[in-house]
């Protein structure tokens, strides 16, 4: 039997899909991540933006074109938000939502009797099978849900409240990782705290001697504390890249977004990171054109790009999401205003990225190779700078010296294999 598990959206979805793939293989399925002919399709959807939700619906249609007689299971945030729309689009589809993704496997095991599925306990972290990893980098999920309720975001309503994996379970999976790099991820790992009160600093101390390089997923300002930074300094192979969510450089916009920090507090967190890890790369997300954003507010976002010293930014226009407070309270800015501001902040981000990359020249880094294309091996340094090395150097980590800017990253030469 053939199955396709197709994933849209975030790394957490990708991890959960990896667990579903492993479970389906144990049930005897030959599983692919690519859209092709199959007897069963599992579509793991996303609803972070309207565009993501649209693509999720399109993917269901693509599955049916591959095999109109296949069984289709739809899970993930888009199906949680608009379950009826998915059910109406596909007669006979099994729509499970964002919570309790183990139920995908339970549904297959019980002969697709959806009425027999157990209810999902939203207060308890759901343990899933160790994900099937098809990449150089491995992901370990330690947390789910979100308590922040940012005014623009629908995810807390779909994923539920924050809940955390037991430290012992999370640490065991990290220590068993055979990948060269392991990313610790979740919907909001900043709120990680298991039922015994153990937090992320405790988890990092528990895995400090592992041989896999440890990288943290997206985090919030509240997470940057002296205690956590001290714990991270003890990790033998820690990757000092911090994806520190910003969303806006304006205090006024941050307040209307229901983000619980100020511009000054954000920059203070950046300084704490640089003090602890001088060569750290700080990456971020910025929402441009939030309904309350004036030109003056936008200029605050523009200027913080250089002030924070970002190594890279991901900027995108505000997307209204039905069901959020921002959707109810504010009138959307004109599309042309958002488009123009996105272009300006991406230009500022590109200049700052070049400035950061120039500061890397001459530095020694350990690179985890990922692929070789057009005569160059590509991979990432610990600070998440993309590194190119002439020739095919294989898949094992290599020590290099960065020599110059190159393409979207830097060129380097091997100094020690």
Protein backbone atom coordinates (compact mmCIF):
# COMPACT_ATOMS: atom_id res chain seq x y z
CA UNK A 1 0.00 0.00 0.00
CA UNK A 2 1.21 3.48 -0.87
CA UNK A 3 0.73 6.59 1.27
CA UNK A 4 1.66 10.25 0.80
CA UNK A 5 2.15 12.53 3.80
CA UNK A 6 2.23 16.06 2.43
CA UNK A 7 3.20 18.92 4.75
CA UNK A 8 2.51 22.64 4.57
CA UNK A 9 3.59 25.30 7.04
CA UNK A 10 5.89 25.28 10.03
CA UNK A 11 8.67 23.03 11.28
CA UNK A 12 6.35 21.69 13.97
CA UNK A 13 4.05 20.39 11.24
CA UNK A 14 7.10 18.83 9.59
CA UNK A 15 8.07 17.06 12.82
CA UNK A 16 4.54 15.76 13.35
CA UNK A 17 4.43 14.55 9.74
CA UNK A 18 7.68 12.69 10.39
CA UNK A 19 6.01 10.88 13.30
CA UNK A 20 3.01 10.00 11.12
CA UNK A 21 5.34 8.68 8.40
CA UNK A 22 7.13 6.41 10.85
CA UNK A 23 3.79 5.12 12.16
CA UNK A 24 2.44 4.44 8.68
CA UNK A 25 5.61 2.56 7.74
CA UNK A 26 5.17 0.39 10.82
CA UNK A 27 1.64 -0.34 9.58
CA UNK A 28 3.05 -1.59 6.28
CA UNK A 29 2.73 1.50 4.06
CA UNK A 30 5.32 2.66 1.56
CA UNK A 31 5.37 6.40 2.35
CA UNK A 32 6.39 9.41 0.28
CA UNK A 33 6.51 13.12 1.12
CA UNK A 34 5.94 14.10 -2.52
CA UNK A 35 2.58 14.42 -4.26
CA UNK A 36 2.12 11.28 -6.39
CA UNK A 37 -0.27 8.37 -6.87
CA UNK A 38 -1.18 6.71 -3.56
CA UNK A 39 -3.89 4.77 -1.79
CA UNK A 40 -3.87 7.15 1.18
CA UNK A 41 -3.12 10.86 1.44
CA UNK A 42 -2.45 12.65 4.72
CA UNK A 43 -2.49 16.43 4.16
CA UNK A 44 -0.97 18.32 7.11
CA UNK A 45 -2.27 21.85 6.60
CA UNK A 46 -1.34 25.38 7.67
CA UNK A 47 -3.44 28.47 8.48
CA UNK A 48 -0.87 31.03 9.58
CA UNK A 49 -1.91 33.25 6.64
CA UNK A 50 -4.82 33.33 4.22
CA UNK A 51 -2.41 32.29 1.47
CA UNK A 52 -1.27 29.25 3.49
CA UNK A 53 -4.87 28.21 4.00
CA UNK A 54 -5.58 28.60 0.27
CA UNK A 55 -2.58 26.43 -0.61
CA UNK A 56 -3.79 23.81 1.87
CA UNK A 57 -7.14 23.58 0.09
CA UNK A 58 -5.39 23.39 -3.29
CA UNK A 59 -3.24 20.52 -2.08
CA UNK A 60 -6.30 18.44 -1.30
CA UNK A 61 -7.43 18.95 -4.89
CA UNK A 62 -4.00 17.87 -6.19
CA UNK A 63 -4.24 14.65 -4.16
CA UNK A 64 -7.60 13.79 -5.70
CA UNK A 65 -6.20 14.40 -9.19
CA UNK A 66 -3.51 11.82 -8.45
CA UNK A 67 -6.09 9.24 -7.33
CA UNK A 68 -9.77 10.15 -7.10
CA UNK A 69 -10.49 6.90 -5.24
CA UNK A 70 -7.90 7.31 -2.50
CA UNK A 71 -8.68 7.85 1.15
CA UNK A 72 -7.79 11.38 2.28
CA UNK A 73 -7.07 12.46 5.85
CA UNK A 74 -6.79 16.21 6.45
CA UNK A 75 -5.15 17.44 9.65
CA UNK A 76 -3.37 20.61 10.77
CA UNK A 77 -4.36 24.18 11.47
CA UNK A 78 -6.30 24.97 8.29
CA UNK A 79 -8.55 21.96 8.84
CA UNK A 80 -9.05 23.01 12.47
CA UNK A 81 -10.04 26.51 11.39
CA UNK A 82 -12.21 25.58 8.41
CA UNK A 83 -13.08 21.93 8.88
CA UNK A 84 -16.46 22.23 7.20
CA UNK A 85 -14.91 23.73 4.07
CA UNK A 86 -12.55 20.77 3.74
CA UNK A 87 -15.32 18.25 4.41
CA UNK A 88 -17.49 19.86 1.74
CA UNK A 89 -14.62 19.95 -0.76
CA UNK A 90 -13.95 16.22 -0.49
CA UNK A 91 -16.89 13.87 -0.05
CA UNK A 92 -15.80 11.16 2.35
CA UNK A 93 -12.67 12.93 3.56
CA UNK A 94 -11.58 12.46 7.16
CA UNK A 95 -11.03 15.89 8.73
CA UNK A 96 -9.20 15.70 12.07
CA UNK A 97 -7.95 19.23 12.82
CA UNK A 98 -4.74 20.45 14.46
CA UNK A 99 -4.85 18.64 17.79
CA UNK A 100 -4.20 15.01 18.51
CA UNK A 101 -2.33 14.05 15.36
CA UNK A 102 -1.77 10.55 16.70
CA UNK A 103 -5.40 10.09 15.73
CA UNK A 104 -4.28 9.90 12.09
CA UNK A 105 -2.62 6.57 12.85
CA UNK A 106 -5.47 5.46 15.10
CA UNK A 107 -7.91 6.15 12.27
CA UNK A 108 -5.91 4.01 9.85
CA UNK A 109 -5.57 1.23 12.41
CA UNK A 110 -9.30 1.06 13.18
CA UNK A 111 -10.33 0.79 9.54
CA UNK A 112 -11.19 4.50 9.12
CA UNK A 113 -13.97 4.49 11.68
CA UNK A 114 -13.82 8.16 12.66
CA UNK A 115 -16.65 7.80 15.20
CA UNK A 116 -14.50 5.37 17.19
CA UNK A 117 -11.61 7.80 17.71
CA UNK A 118 -10.96 8.78 21.33
CA UNK A 119 -11.34 12.41 22.43
CA UNK A 120 -8.13 14.44 22.60
CA UNK A 121 -6.97 15.73 26.01
CA UNK A 122 -6.00 19.34 25.30
CA UNK A 123 -4.30 19.81 28.69
CA UNK A 124 -1.66 17.12 28.20
CA UNK A 125 1.30 17.12 25.84
CA UNK A 126 0.81 14.48 23.15
CA UNK A 127 3.77 12.11 22.80
CA UNK A 128 4.29 10.94 19.21
CA UNK A 129 6.62 8.42 17.61
CA UNK A 130 10.21 9.53 16.93
CA UNK A 131 9.94 11.31 13.56
CA UNK A 132 11.33 9.80 10.38
CA UNK A 133 14.12 12.20 9.44
CA UNK A 134 15.00 12.53 5.76
CA UNK A 135 17.37 15.48 6.11
CA UNK A 136 20.82 16.31 7.49
CA UNK A 137 19.14 18.30 10.22
CA UNK A 138 16.87 16.58 12.75
CA UNK A 139 13.98 18.27 14.61
CA UNK A 140 12.83 17.41 18.12
CA UNK A 141 9.47 18.80 19.24
CA UNK A 142 9.29 19.69 22.94
CA UNK A 143 6.18 21.88 23.19
CA UNK A 144 2.82 22.57 21.55
CA UNK A 145 0.15 25.28 21.73
CA UNK A 146 0.40 28.96 22.58
CA UNK A 147 -0.83 31.24 25.37
CA UNK A 148 0.20 34.58 23.84
CA UNK A 149 -2.87 35.50 21.76
CA UNK A 150 -1.12 38.08 19.61
CA UNK A 151 -3.90 40.12 18.06
CA UNK A 152 -3.00 39.10 14.49
CA UNK A 153 -2.54 35.36 15.09
CA UNK A 154 -5.07 32.55 14.87
CA UNK A 155 -2.76 29.73 15.99
CA UNK A 156 -3.64 29.74 19.75
CA UNK A 157 -7.28 29.16 18.81
CA UNK A 158 -6.31 26.20 16.63
CA UNK A 159 -3.43 24.57 18.50
CA UNK A 160 -4.78 25.19 22.01
CA UNK A 161 -2.98 26.28 25.15
CA UNK A 162 0.71 25.71 25.76
CA UNK A 163 1.70 22.25 26.94
CA UNK A 164 5.18 20.80 27.32
CA UNK A 165 6.85 17.44 26.90
CA UNK A 166 8.48 15.82 29.92
CA UNK A 167 12.14 16.77 30.13
CA UNK A 168 13.20 13.12 30.35
CA UNK A 169 11.37 12.27 27.12
CA UNK A 170 12.66 15.30 25.21
CA UNK A 171 16.23 14.77 26.44
CA UNK A 172 16.16 11.10 25.48
CA UNK A 173 15.18 11.90 21.88
CA UNK A 174 17.85 14.60 21.60
CA UNK A 175 20.52 12.28 22.98
CA UNK A 176 19.49 9.52 20.54
CA UNK A 177 19.73 11.84 17.53
CA UNK A 178 22.15 10.59 14.89
CA UNK A 179 21.91 13.76 12.79
CA UNK A 180 24.82 16.18 12.67
CA UNK A 181 22.46 18.92 13.86
CA UNK A 182 19.34 18.76 16.01
CA UNK A 183 16.84 21.62 16.19
CA UNK A 184 14.74 21.92 19.35
CA UNK A 185 11.34 23.18 18.23
CA UNK A 186 7.73 23.81 19.21
CA UNK A 187 4.98 26.35 18.67
CA UNK A 188 6.41 28.51 21.49
CA UNK A 189 9.45 26.91 23.12
CA UNK A 190 9.86 30.08 25.21
CA UNK A 191 7.06 28.78 27.43
CA UNK A 192 8.55 25.29 27.79
CA UNK A 193 7.96 24.01 31.32
CA UNK A 194 7.08 20.40 31.99
CA UNK A 195 4.74 19.14 34.72
CA UNK A 196 7.69 18.89 37.12
CA UNK A 197 8.60 22.54 36.64
CA UNK A 198 11.65 21.89 34.45
CA UNK A 199 12.28 24.62 31.87
CA UNK A 200 14.41 25.04 28.76
CA UNK A 201 17.55 25.85 30.75
CA UNK A 202 17.13 22.55 32.62
CA UNK A 203 16.68 20.70 29.33
CA UNK A 204 19.82 22.24 27.86
CA UNK A 205 21.81 21.26 30.93
CA UNK A 206 20.51 17.71 30.60
CA UNK A 207 21.79 17.38 27.01
CA UNK A 208 24.90 19.58 27.23
CA UNK A 209 27.33 16.77 26.36
CA UNK A 210 25.61 15.37 23.25
CA UNK A 211 27.63 15.13 20.04
CA UNK A 212 24.90 16.50 17.78
CA UNK A 213 24.97 20.27 17.25
CA UNK A 214 21.98 21.81 19.05
CA UNK A 215 20.04 24.69 17.53
CA UNK A 216 16.97 26.34 19.06
CA UNK A 217 13.81 27.12 17.12
CA UNK A 218 11.95 30.43 17.12
CA UNK A 219 11.86 32.16 20.49
CA UNK A 220 10.38 35.15 22.29
CA UNK A 221 12.11 38.00 24.13
CA UNK A 222 10.97 36.63 27.50
CA UNK A 223 13.14 33.57 26.91
CA UNK A 224 16.42 35.50 26.91
CA UNK A 225 17.57 35.39 30.53
CA UNK A 226 21.02 35.14 32.15
CA UNK A 227 20.07 31.67 33.40
CA UNK A 228 19.24 30.33 29.94
CA UNK A 229 22.28 31.94 28.31
CA UNK A 230 24.53 30.44 30.97
CA UNK A 231 22.99 27.00 30.34
CA UNK A 232 23.52 27.38 26.58
CA UNK A 233 27.19 28.26 27.12
CA UNK A 234 27.61 24.86 28.76
CA UNK A 235 26.28 22.97 25.72
CA UNK A 236 29.26 21.37 23.97
CA UNK A 237 27.98 21.92 20.44
CA UNK A 238 25.52 24.80 20.69
CA UNK A 239 24.67 26.73 17.51
CA UNK A 240 24.58 30.42 18.54
CA UNK A 241 21.77 31.47 16.22
CA UNK A 242 18.73 33.02 17.87
CA UNK A 243 15.55 33.44 15.85
CA UNK A 244 14.15 36.15 18.10
CA UNK A 245 10.65 37.16 16.98
CA UNK A 246 10.27 40.94 16.64
CA UNK A 247 7.18 41.65 14.46
CA UNK A 248 7.55 45.43 14.84
CA UNK A 249 10.12 47.97 16.00
CA UNK A 250 7.41 50.36 17.18
CA UNK A 251 6.15 50.32 20.77
CA UNK A 252 2.74 51.55 19.59
CA UNK A 253 2.37 48.72 17.09
CA UNK A 254 3.74 46.12 19.51
CA UNK A 255 1.06 47.16 21.99
CA UNK A 256 -1.74 46.85 19.42
CA UNK A 257 -0.31 43.49 18.40
CA UNK A 258 -0.51 42.37 22.05
CA UNK A 259 3.20 41.65 22.08
CA UNK A 260 4.42 41.82 25.67
CA UNK A 261 7.71 43.70 25.31
CA UNK A 262 9.00 47.06 24.15
CA UNK A 263 11.57 48.04 21.56
CA UNK A 264 14.04 48.80 24.35
CA UNK A 265 13.48 45.39 25.95
CA UNK A 266 14.03 43.68 22.60
CA UNK A 267 17.32 45.48 22.00
CA UNK A 268 18.38 44.68 25.57
CA UNK A 269 17.79 40.99 24.85
CA UNK A 270 19.93 41.28 21.71
CA UNK A 271 22.74 42.83 23.75
CA UNK A 272 22.53 39.99 26.29
CA UNK A 273 22.89 37.50 23.44
CA UNK A 274 25.91 39.28 21.93
CA UNK A 275 27.53 39.61 25.36
CA UNK A 276 27.21 35.83 25.85
CA UNK A 277 27.92 34.83 22.22
CA UNK A 278 29.82 37.63 20.42
CA UNK A 279 29.56 35.98 16.99
CA UNK A 280 25.88 35.04 17.35
CA UNK A 281 23.50 35.40 14.46
CA UNK A 282 20.15 36.94 15.38
CA UNK A 283 17.42 36.37 12.81
CA UNK A 284 13.86 37.60 13.06
CA UNK A 285 10.36 37.97 11.62
CA UNK A 286 8.84 41.40 10.93
CA UNK A 287 5.21 42.04 10.03
CA UNK A 288 4.89 45.10 7.80
CA UNK A 289 1.71 47.11 7.35
CA UNK A 290 -0.14 46.15 10.52
CA UNK A 291 -3.39 48.20 10.54
CA UNK A 292 -2.17 50.60 13.25
CA UNK A 293 1.26 51.12 11.67
CA UNK A 294 1.92 54.73 10.63
CA UNK A 295 4.88 55.81 8.52
CA UNK A 296 6.63 56.87 11.73
CA UNK A 297 5.97 53.43 13.24
CA UNK A 298 7.35 51.77 10.12
CA UNK A 299 10.52 53.86 10.33
CA UNK A 300 11.02 52.43 13.82
CA UNK A 301 10.94 48.93 12.32
CA UNK A 302 13.28 50.06 9.56
CA UNK A 303 15.86 51.46 11.96
CA UNK A 304 15.88 48.52 14.36
CA UNK A 305 17.15 46.24 11.58
CA UNK A 306 20.60 47.80 11.89
CA UNK A 307 20.39 48.57 15.60
CA UNK A 308 19.75 44.92 16.46
CA UNK A 309 22.47 43.79 14.05
CA UNK A 310 20.31 41.10 12.46
CA UNK A 311 22.05 38.51 10.33
CA UNK A 312 18.84 37.97 8.37
CA UNK A 313 15.21 39.07 8.47
CA UNK A 314 12.00 37.53 7.20
CA UNK A 315 9.56 40.35 6.43
CA UNK A 316 6.05 39.92 5.12
CA UNK A 317 2.86 42.00 4.85
CA UNK A 318 0.14 41.78 7.48
CA UNK A 319 -2.49 39.19 6.57
CA UNK A 320 -5.90 39.62 8.28
CA UNK A 321 -7.10 36.37 9.86
CA UNK A 322 -10.77 35.99 10.64
CA UNK A 323 -11.35 35.23 14.30
CA UNK A 324 -8.45 37.31 15.62
CA UNK A 325 -8.79 40.55 17.59
CA UNK A 326 -6.98 42.54 14.90
CA UNK A 327 -9.48 41.33 12.30
CA UNK A 328 -12.36 42.51 14.46
CA UNK A 329 -10.88 45.85 15.57
CA UNK A 330 -8.84 47.30 12.73
CA UNK A 331 -9.25 48.34 9.11
CA UNK A 332 -6.58 46.94 6.80
CA UNK A 333 -4.04 49.32 5.25
CA UNK A 334 -4.04 49.69 1.44
CA UNK A 335 -2.21 46.88 -0.36
CA UNK A 336 0.11 49.32 -2.13
CA UNK A 337 1.26 50.76 1.21
CA UNK A 338 2.10 47.30 2.53
CA UNK A 339 3.88 46.31 -0.69
CA UNK A 340 6.02 49.45 -0.68
CA UNK A 341 6.99 49.04 2.96
CA UNK A 342 7.88 45.38 2.51
CA UNK A 343 10.21 46.33 -0.34
CA UNK A 344 11.92 48.99 1.79
CA UNK A 345 12.45 46.77 4.79
CA UNK A 346 13.72 43.88 2.68
CA UNK A 347 16.25 46.26 1.13
CA UNK A 348 17.36 47.34 4.63
CA UNK A 349 17.54 43.69 5.65
CA UNK A 350 19.73 42.85 2.66
CA UNK A 351 22.17 45.65 3.54
CA UNK A 352 22.34 44.53 7.15
CA UNK A 353 22.85 40.90 6.12
CA UNK A 354 25.79 41.93 3.93
CA UNK A 355 27.23 43.92 6.82
CA UNK A 356 26.94 40.89 9.10
CA UNK A 357 28.45 38.54 6.51
CA UNK A 358 31.43 40.85 5.99
CA UNK A 359 32.07 40.57 9.71
CA UNK A 360 32.36 36.80 9.30
CA UNK A 361 35.27 36.95 6.83
CA UNK A 362 38.40 35.41 8.33
CA UNK A 363 36.44 33.56 10.98
CA UNK A 364 36.72 29.79 11.48
CA UNK A 365 33.45 27.83 11.56
CA UNK A 366 32.24 24.25 11.55
CA UNK A 367 29.91 23.64 8.63
CA UNK A 368 27.36 20.84 8.31
CA UNK A 369 27.23 20.07 4.54
CA UNK A 370 23.81 19.49 3.01
CA UNK A 371 24.16 19.16 -0.76
CA UNK A 372 26.53 19.71 -3.68
CA UNK A 373 25.28 21.74 -6.67
CA UNK A 374 27.20 23.24 -9.60
CA UNK A 375 30.57 22.35 -8.12
CA UNK A 376 29.99 23.77 -4.64
CA UNK A 377 29.03 22.06 -1.40
CA UNK A 378 26.42 24.07 0.51
CA UNK A 379 25.79 23.96 4.24
CA UNK A 380 25.33 26.09 7.34
CA UNK A 381 27.70 27.36 9.97
CA UNK A 382 26.65 27.39 13.62
CA UNK A 383 25.37 30.98 13.30
CA UNK A 384 23.16 29.90 10.36
CA UNK A 385 25.22 31.63 7.72
CA UNK A 386 25.01 29.78 4.41
CA UNK A 387 28.49 28.57 3.46
CA UNK A 388 29.77 27.44 0.05
CA UNK A 389 32.85 25.22 -0.33
CA UNK A 390 34.41 24.39 -3.69
CA UNK A 391 34.03 20.71 -4.66
CA UNK A 392 32.09 17.85 -3.12
CA UNK A 393 33.29 17.51 0.49
CA UNK A 394 30.81 14.78 1.50
CA UNK A 395 28.31 14.89 4.35
CA UNK A 396 30.51 15.01 7.44
CA UNK A 397 31.00 18.33 9.31
CA UNK A 398 34.10 20.25 8.24
CA UNK A 399 36.08 23.09 9.76
CA UNK A 400 36.50 26.00 7.38
CA UNK A 401 37.80 29.53 7.17
CA UNK A 402 35.47 32.08 5.60
CA UNK A 403 37.20 33.96 2.78
CA UNK A 404 34.67 36.20 0.98
CA UNK A 405 31.04 36.98 0.26
CA UNK A 406 29.50 34.55 -2.24
CA UNK A 407 25.97 34.25 -3.66
CA UNK A 408 23.52 34.45 -0.74
CA UNK A 409 26.17 33.63 1.85
CA UNK A 410 29.94 33.23 2.06
CA UNK A 411 32.71 31.22 0.42
CA UNK A 412 35.04 29.20 2.63
CA UNK A 413 38.07 26.94 2.45
CA UNK A 414 38.57 23.76 4.45
CA UNK A 415 41.26 23.99 7.12
CA UNK A 416 40.65 20.71 8.95
CA UNK A 417 38.51 17.69 8.07
